[in-house]
Amino acid sequence: MSDATTVLLIDDDPHYRDYYAQRLQTSVSNYDVLEAATGRSGLDICARQPIDCVVLEIDLPDISGFEVLAKLVPRAYHPEIAVIILTRLPNPFLLDLAIKNGAQVALQKTLGSGDLLAPSILKAISALQRLNRLVS
């Protein structure tokens, strides 16, 4: 049995997906990184296998990242999966809205966001584990 953390990157831009996948795999060796170019394909992956954390772009070509977030976290204050919003959209209101709708972390893509992703994943998964212990 593997102790790896499975992370799903959902982003339609292959350059961003490659960049963040490489950053994760070089920063922490125990990440299994999966990739999806659309919201629907990301949801399909989540339905087929356990995912520890989803890193989600809001601006997707097929459905809104908020729709994906709502399907992954139907009850905002009782998430069953850690979700991080990592978006190229510059509106800070969208980041706040993502948190209110169940994302544990919301970041804008910047030059330094690659350095923030691995600690953000750890933070999101830890927050989810603490919440699950409180609920049980």
N, C-alpha and C. Protein backbone atom coordinates (compact mmCIF):
# COMPACT_ATOMS: atom_id res chain seq x y z
N MET A 1 0.84 -1.18 0.00
CA MET A 1 0.00 0.00 0.00
C MET A 1 0.89 1.25 0.00
N SER A 2 0.56 2.18 -0.82
CA SER A 2 1.37 3.38 -0.99
C SER A 2 0.97 4.45 0.02
N ASP A 3 1.96 5.20 0.50
CA ASP A 3 1.71 6.32 1.39
C ASP A 3 1.65 7.63 0.61
N ALA A 4 1.62 7.54 -0.69
CA ALA A 4 1.62 8.73 -1.53
C ALA A 4 0.30 9.49 -1.40
N THR A 5 0.40 10.79 -1.52
CA THR A 5 -0.76 11.66 -1.56
C THR A 5 -1.13 11.85 -3.02
N THR A 6 -2.38 11.55 -3.35
CA THR A 6 -2.84 11.68 -4.73
C THR A 6 -3.47 13.06 -4.93
N VAL A 7 -2.89 13.81 -5.86
CA VAL A 7 -3.33 15.16 -6.17
C VAL A 7 -3.81 15.19 -7.61
N LEU A 8 -4.98 15.76 -7.83
CA LEU A 8 -5.52 15.93 -9.17
C LEU A 8 -5.47 17.40 -9.54
N LEU A 9 -4.76 17.71 -10.62
CA LEU A 9 -4.71 19.08 -11.15
C LEU A 9 -5.75 19.19 -12.26
N ILE A 10 -6.72 20.07 -12.10
CA ILE A 10 -7.72 20.30 -13.15
C ILE A 10 -7.49 21.70 -13.70
N ASP A 11 -6.96 21.76 -14.91
CA ASP A 11 -6.64 23.03 -15.56
C ASP A 11 -6.55 22.76 -17.06
N ASP A 12 -7.15 23.63 -17.86
CA ASP A 12 -7.13 23.41 -19.31
C ASP A 12 -5.81 23.81 -19.96
N ASP A 13 -4.96 24.51 -19.25
CA ASP A 13 -3.68 24.95 -19.81
C ASP A 13 -2.60 23.92 -19.52
N PRO A 14 -2.10 23.22 -20.55
CA PRO A 14 -1.10 22.17 -20.32
C PRO A 14 0.20 22.71 -19.72
N HIS A 15 0.53 23.95 -20.00
CA HIS A 15 1.76 24.53 -19.44
C HIS A 15 1.64 24.68 -17.92
N TYR A 16 0.50 25.17 -17.47
CA TYR A 16 0.29 25.29 -16.02
C TYR A 16 0.27 23.90 -15.37
N ARG A 17 -0.45 22.96 -15.98
CA ARG A 17 -0.50 21.61 -15.41
C ARG A 17 0.90 21.02 -15.28
N ASP A 18 1.68 21.12 -16.35
CA ASP A 18 3.04 20.58 -16.31
C ASP A 18 3.89 21.29 -15.25
N TYR A 19 3.80 22.61 -15.21
CA TYR A 19 4.59 23.38 -14.26
C TYR A 19 4.27 22.98 -12.82
N TYR A 20 2.97 22.97 -12.47
CA TYR A 20 2.60 22.66 -11.10
C TYR A 20 2.85 21.19 -10.76
N ALA A 21 2.66 20.29 -11.70
CA ALA A 21 2.98 18.87 -11.47
C ALA A 21 4.47 18.71 -11.18
N GLN A 22 5.30 19.36 -11.96
CA GLN A 22 6.75 19.27 -11.74
C GLN A 22 7.13 19.89 -10.39
N ARG A 23 6.54 21.01 -10.05
CA ARG A 23 6.84 21.66 -8.76
C ARG A 23 6.47 20.74 -7.60
N LEU A 24 5.32 20.08 -7.70
CA LEU A 24 4.91 19.18 -6.64
C LEU A 24 5.83 17.98 -6.52
N GLN A 25 6.18 17.40 -7.64
CA GLN A 25 7.00 16.20 -7.62
C GLN A 25 8.44 16.48 -7.19
N THR A 26 8.92 17.71 -7.40
CA THR A 26 10.27 18.03 -6.95
C THR A 26 10.28 18.53 -5.51
N SER A 27 9.18 19.09 -5.03
CA SER A 27 9.17 19.62 -3.66
C SER A 27 8.91 18.53 -2.62
N VAL A 28 8.05 17.59 -2.95
CA VAL A 28 7.71 16.50 -2.03
C VAL A 28 7.64 15.22 -2.85
N SER A 29 8.41 14.23 -2.45
CA SER A 29 8.53 13.03 -3.28
C SER A 29 7.33 12.10 -3.20
N ASN A 30 6.45 12.28 -2.24
CA ASN A 30 5.36 11.33 -2.11
C ASN A 30 4.03 11.80 -2.72
N TYR A 31 4.09 12.57 -3.79
CA TYR A 31 2.88 12.98 -4.49
C TYR A 31 2.70 12.16 -5.76
N ASP A 32 1.51 11.59 -5.92
CA ASP A 32 1.08 11.04 -7.20
C ASP A 32 0.22 12.12 -7.82
N VAL A 33 0.65 12.67 -8.93
CA VAL A 33 -0.06 13.79 -9.55
C VAL A 33 -0.78 13.30 -10.79
N LEU A 34 -2.09 13.50 -10.81
CA LEU A 34 -2.93 13.21 -11.96
C LEU A 34 -3.35 14.53 -12.58
N GLU A 35 -3.69 14.49 -13.86
CA GLU A 35 -4.06 15.74 -14.55
C GLU A 35 -5.33 15.56 -15.34
N ALA A 36 -6.12 16.64 -15.40
CA ALA A 36 -7.33 16.68 -16.22
C ALA A 36 -7.41 18.05 -16.87
N ALA A 37 -7.82 18.08 -18.14
CA ALA A 37 -7.89 19.33 -18.89
C ALA A 37 -9.28 19.98 -18.83
N THR A 38 -10.27 19.25 -18.33
CA THR A 38 -11.63 19.80 -18.25
C THR A 38 -12.24 19.45 -16.90
N GLY A 39 -13.27 20.19 -16.56
CA GLY A 39 -13.96 19.91 -15.31
C GLY A 39 -14.62 18.54 -15.31
N ARG A 40 -15.26 18.20 -16.40
CA ARG A 40 -15.94 16.90 -16.48
C ARG A 40 -14.95 15.73 -16.39
N SER A 41 -13.82 15.84 -17.07
CA SER A 41 -12.84 14.75 -16.99
C SER A 41 -12.25 14.66 -15.58
N GLY A 42 -12.10 15.79 -14.92
CA GLY A 42 -11.64 15.78 -13.53
C GLY A 42 -12.65 15.11 -12.61
N LEU A 43 -13.92 15.41 -12.79
CA LEU A 43 -14.96 14.77 -11.99
C LEU A 43 -14.99 13.26 -12.25
N ASP A 44 -14.78 12.86 -13.51
CA ASP A 44 -14.73 11.42 -13.83
C ASP A 44 -13.60 10.73 -13.09
N ILE A 45 -12.44 11.37 -13.05
CA ILE A 45 -11.30 10.80 -12.33
C ILE A 45 -11.64 10.66 -10.85
N CYS A 46 -12.25 11.68 -10.27
CA CYS A 46 -12.62 11.64 -8.85
C CYS A 46 -13.62 10.53 -8.57
N ALA A 47 -14.50 10.25 -9.52
CA ALA A 47 -15.49 9.19 -9.34
C ALA A 47 -14.86 7.80 -9.42
N ARG A 48 -13.75 7.68 -10.16
CA ARG A 48 -13.12 6.37 -10.38
C ARG A 48 -12.11 5.98 -9.31
N GLN A 49 -11.51 6.95 -8.64
CA GLN A 49 -10.45 6.60 -7.69
C GLN A 49 -10.36 7.63 -6.58
N PRO A 50 -9.79 7.22 -5.45
CA PRO A 50 -9.65 8.16 -4.33
C PRO A 50 -8.63 9.25 -4.65
N ILE A 51 -8.99 10.46 -4.35
CA ILE A 51 -8.13 11.63 -4.54
C ILE A 51 -8.01 12.32 -3.18
N ASP A 52 -6.80 12.66 -2.79
CA ASP A 52 -6.60 13.35 -1.52
C ASP A 52 -6.84 14.85 -1.63
N CYS A 53 -6.48 15.43 -2.77
CA CYS A 53 -6.62 16.87 -2.93
C CYS A 53 -6.79 17.20 -4.41
N VAL A 54 -7.73 18.09 -4.70
CA VAL A 54 -7.94 18.58 -6.06
C VAL A 54 -7.45 20.02 -6.12
N VAL A 55 -6.62 20.31 -7.10
CA VAL A 55 -6.17 21.69 -7.36
C VAL A 55 -6.92 22.12 -8.61
N LEU A 56 -7.76 23.12 -8.47
CA LEU A 56 -8.79 23.43 -9.47
C LEU A 56 -8.69 24.86 -9.99
N GLU A 57 -8.65 24.99 -11.30
CA GLU A 57 -8.77 26.29 -11.97
C GLU A 57 -10.25 26.63 -12.06
N ILE A 58 -10.62 27.86 -11.82
CA ILE A 58 -12.02 28.28 -11.91
C ILE A 58 -12.46 28.41 -13.37
N ASP A 59 -11.57 28.91 -14.22
CA ASP A 59 -11.90 29.20 -15.62
C ASP A 59 -11.58 27.98 -16.48
N LEU A 60 -12.59 27.12 -16.68
CA LEU A 60 -12.44 25.90 -17.46
C LEU A 60 -13.25 25.99 -18.75
N PRO A 61 -12.88 25.23 -19.77
CA PRO A 61 -13.56 25.36 -21.07
C PRO A 61 -14.94 24.72 -21.13
N ASP A 62 -15.21 23.74 -20.28
CA ASP A 62 -16.48 23.02 -20.42
C ASP A 62 -17.51 23.42 -19.37
N ILE A 63 -17.11 23.47 -18.12
CA ILE A 63 -18.00 23.90 -17.04
C ILE A 63 -17.20 24.78 -16.08
N SER A 64 -17.90 25.57 -15.32
CA SER A 64 -17.24 26.46 -14.37
C SER A 64 -16.53 25.66 -13.29
N GLY A 65 -15.39 26.15 -12.85
CA GLY A 65 -14.72 25.55 -11.72
C GLY A 65 -15.59 25.57 -10.47
N PHE A 66 -16.48 26.56 -10.36
CA PHE A 66 -17.40 26.61 -9.23
C PHE A 66 -18.40 25.45 -9.29
N GLU A 67 -18.80 25.05 -10.50
CA GLU A 67 -19.67 23.89 -10.64
C GLU A 67 -18.92 22.62 -10.22
N VAL A 68 -17.66 22.50 -10.61
CA VAL A 68 -16.84 21.36 -10.18
C VAL A 68 -16.72 21.37 -8.66
N LEU A 69 -16.42 22.53 -8.09
CA LEU A 69 -16.31 22.65 -6.64
C LEU A 69 -17.60 22.22 -5.95
N ALA A 70 -18.74 22.64 -6.47
CA ALA A 70 -20.03 22.28 -5.87
C ALA A 70 -20.28 20.77 -5.93
N LYS A 71 -19.82 20.12 -6.99
CA LYS A 71 -19.98 18.67 -7.09
C LYS A 71 -19.01 17.93 -6.16
N LEU A 72 -17.81 18.46 -6.00
CA LEU A 72 -16.83 17.84 -5.12
C LEU A 72 -17.15 18.09 -3.65
N VAL A 73 -17.68 19.27 -3.36
CA VAL A 73 -17.98 19.67 -1.98
C VAL A 73 -19.42 20.17 -1.94
N PRO A 74 -20.39 19.25 -1.95
CA PRO A 74 -21.79 19.68 -1.98
C PRO A 74 -22.24 20.41 -0.71
N ARG A 75 -21.58 20.15 0.42
CA ARG A 75 -21.88 20.86 1.66
C ARG A 75 -20.62 21.60 2.07
N ALA A 76 -20.62 22.90 1.87
CA ALA A 76 -19.41 23.72 2.01
C ALA A 76 -18.70 23.55 3.34
N TYR A 77 -19.44 23.37 4.41
CA TYR A 77 -18.80 23.29 5.73
C TYR A 77 -18.54 21.85 6.17
N HIS A 78 -18.80 20.90 5.28
CA HIS A 78 -18.53 19.49 5.57
C HIS A 78 -17.88 18.82 4.35
N PRO A 79 -16.73 19.32 3.92
CA PRO A 79 -16.10 18.74 2.73
C PRO A 79 -15.59 17.33 3.00
N GLU A 80 -15.63 16.51 1.99
CA GLU A 80 -15.08 15.16 2.08
C GLU A 80 -13.78 15.04 1.29
N ILE A 81 -13.45 16.06 0.55
CA ILE A 81 -12.22 16.08 -0.23
C ILE A 81 -11.61 17.48 -0.13
N ALA A 82 -10.30 17.53 -0.03
CA ALA A 82 -9.60 18.81 0.03
C ALA A 82 -9.56 19.42 -1.38
N VAL A 83 -9.93 20.69 -1.48
CA VAL A 83 -9.91 21.39 -2.76
C VAL A 83 -9.16 22.71 -2.59
N ILE A 84 -8.26 22.93 -3.53
CA ILE A 84 -7.52 24.19 -3.60
C ILE A 84 -7.87 24.85 -4.92
N ILE A 85 -8.28 26.09 -4.86
CA ILE A 85 -8.50 26.87 -6.07
C ILE A 85 -7.17 27.55 -6.39
N LEU A 86 -6.73 27.38 -7.62
CA LEU A 86 -5.51 28.01 -8.12
C LEU A 86 -5.86 28.57 -9.48
N THR A 87 -6.15 29.87 -9.52
CA THR A 87 -6.73 30.45 -10.73
C THR A 87 -5.91 31.58 -11.32
N ARG A 88 -6.05 31.73 -12.62
CA ARG A 88 -5.41 32.84 -13.31
C ARG A 88 -6.29 34.09 -13.29
N LEU A 89 -7.56 33.96 -12.87
CA LEU A 89 -8.48 35.09 -12.83
C LEU A 89 -8.06 36.05 -11.71
N PRO A 90 -7.97 37.35 -12.01
CA PRO A 90 -7.40 38.31 -11.05
C PRO A 90 -8.38 38.86 -10.01
N ASN A 91 -9.59 38.40 -9.96
CA ASN A 91 -10.60 38.96 -9.07
C ASN A 91 -10.53 38.33 -7.68
N PRO A 92 -10.12 39.07 -6.63
CA PRO A 92 -10.03 38.49 -5.29
C PRO A 92 -11.39 38.05 -4.74
N PHE A 93 -12.47 38.63 -5.22
CA PHE A 93 -13.81 38.22 -4.81
C PHE A 93 -14.04 36.74 -5.13
N LEU A 94 -13.51 36.28 -6.26
CA LEU A 94 -13.67 34.88 -6.64
C LEU A 94 -12.95 33.95 -5.67
N LEU A 95 -11.80 34.38 -5.16
CA LEU A 95 -11.08 33.58 -4.18
C LEU A 95 -11.87 33.46 -2.88
N ASP A 96 -12.45 34.58 -2.43
CA ASP A 96 -13.28 34.56 -1.23
C ASP A 96 -14.51 33.68 -1.43
N LEU A 97 -15.12 33.79 -2.59
CA LEU A 97 -16.29 32.99 -2.90
C LEU A 97 -15.96 31.50 -2.91
N ALA A 98 -14.80 31.15 -3.43
CA ALA A 98 -14.38 29.75 -3.45
C ALA A 98 -14.24 29.20 -2.03
N ILE A 99 -13.66 29.98 -1.13
CA ILE A 99 -13.54 29.55 0.27
C ILE A 99 -14.92 29.37 0.89
N LYS A 100 -15.81 30.30 0.65
CA LYS A 100 -17.17 30.22 1.20
C LYS A 100 -17.93 29.01 0.65
N ASN A 101 -17.51 28.54 -0.52
CA ASN A 101 -18.20 27.40 -1.14
C ASN A 101 -17.47 26.08 -0.92
N GLY A 102 -16.50 26.04 -0.03
CA GLY A 102 -15.93 24.77 0.37
C GLY A 102 -14.48 24.51 0.05
N ALA A 103 -13.82 25.38 -0.69
CA ALA A 103 -12.38 25.20 -0.93
C ALA A 103 -11.64 25.50 0.37
N GLN A 104 -10.59 24.74 0.65
CA GLN A 104 -9.82 24.99 1.87
C GLN A 104 -8.81 26.11 1.66
N VAL A 105 -8.32 26.27 0.44
CA VAL A 105 -7.32 27.28 0.11
C VAL A 105 -7.68 27.84 -1.26
N ALA A 106 -7.46 29.14 -1.46
CA ALA A 106 -7.68 29.76 -2.76
C ALA A 106 -6.51 30.68 -3.06
N LEU A 107 -5.86 30.44 -4.19
CA LEU A 107 -4.67 31.18 -4.60
C LEU A 107 -4.83 31.69 -6.02
N GLN A 108 -4.20 32.82 -6.27
CA GLN A 108 -4.10 33.32 -7.63
C GLN A 108 -2.75 32.87 -8.19
N LYS A 109 -2.73 32.51 -9.46
CA LYS A 109 -1.48 32.11 -10.10
C LYS A 109 -0.58 33.33 -10.23
N THR A 110 0.59 33.22 -9.62
CA THR A 110 1.59 34.28 -9.69
C THR A 110 2.94 33.60 -9.84
N LEU A 111 3.98 34.39 -9.92
CA LEU A 111 5.32 33.81 -10.01
C LEU A 111 5.66 32.95 -8.80
N GLY A 112 5.14 33.27 -7.64
CA GLY A 112 5.46 32.52 -6.43
C GLY A 112 4.48 31.41 -6.09
N SER A 113 3.41 31.26 -6.86
CA SER A 113 2.39 30.28 -6.48
C SER A 113 2.88 28.84 -6.57
N GLY A 114 3.89 28.58 -7.38
CA GLY A 114 4.46 27.23 -7.44
C GLY A 114 5.08 26.84 -6.11
N ASP A 115 5.67 27.81 -5.42
CA ASP A 115 6.26 27.56 -4.10
C ASP A 115 5.20 27.39 -3.02
N LEU A 116 4.02 27.94 -3.24
CA LEU A 116 2.95 27.88 -2.24
C LEU A 116 2.10 26.63 -2.36
N LEU A 117 2.16 25.95 -3.49
CA LEU A 117 1.23 24.86 -3.72
C LEU A 117 1.43 23.68 -2.77
N ALA A 118 2.62 23.16 -2.63
CA ALA A 118 2.84 22.00 -1.75
C ALA A 118 2.44 22.29 -0.30
N PRO A 119 2.86 23.42 0.29
CA PRO A 119 2.40 23.69 1.66
C PRO A 119 0.89 23.91 1.73
N SER A 120 0.29 24.44 0.67
CA SER A 120 -1.16 24.64 0.65
C SER A 120 -1.89 23.31 0.63
N ILE A 121 -1.35 22.35 -0.09
CA ILE A 121 -1.96 21.01 -0.12
C ILE A 121 -1.90 20.39 1.26
N LEU A 122 -0.76 20.47 1.91
CA LEU A 122 -0.64 19.94 3.28
C LEU A 122 -1.62 20.63 4.21
N LYS A 123 -1.74 21.94 4.10
CA LYS A 123 -2.67 22.71 4.93
C LYS A 123 -4.11 22.26 4.68
N ALA A 124 -4.49 22.11 3.40
CA ALA A 124 -5.86 21.74 3.06
C ALA A 124 -6.20 20.34 3.56
N ILE A 125 -5.29 19.40 3.38
CA ILE A 125 -5.54 18.02 3.82
C ILE A 125 -5.60 17.96 5.35
N SER A 126 -4.71 18.69 6.02
CA SER A 126 -4.73 18.72 7.49
C SER A 126 -6.02 19.34 8.01
N ALA A 127 -6.47 20.42 7.40
CA ALA A 127 -7.72 21.06 7.81
C ALA A 127 -8.89 20.10 7.64
N LEU A 128 -8.91 19.37 6.56
CA LEU A 128 -9.98 18.41 6.30
C LEU A 128 -9.94 17.28 7.34
N GLN A 129 -8.76 16.79 7.66
CA GLN A 129 -8.63 15.73 8.67
C GLN A 129 -9.09 16.21 10.04
N ARG A 130 -8.73 17.44 10.42
CA ARG A 130 -9.19 18.00 11.70
C ARG A 130 -10.71 18.12 11.73
N LEU A 131 -11.27 18.60 10.65
CA LEU A 131 -12.72 18.75 10.57
C LEU A 131 -13.41 17.39 10.68
N ASN A 132 -12.87 16.39 10.01
CA ASN A 132 -13.48 15.06 10.06
C ASN A 132 -13.39 14.47 11.47
N ARG A 133 -12.31 14.74 12.19
CA ARG A 133 -12.21 14.26 13.58
C ARG A 133 -13.24 14.94 14.47
N LEU A 134 -13.49 16.22 14.23
CA LEU A 134 -14.49 16.95 15.03
C LEU A 134 -15.89 16.44 14.76
N VAL A 135 -16.17 16.10 13.51
CA VAL A 135 -17.50 15.66 13.11
C VAL A 135 -17.78 14.23 13.59
N SER A 136 -16.74 13.39 13.63
CA SER A 136 -16.96 11.98 14.01
C SER A 136 -17.18 11.78 15.47
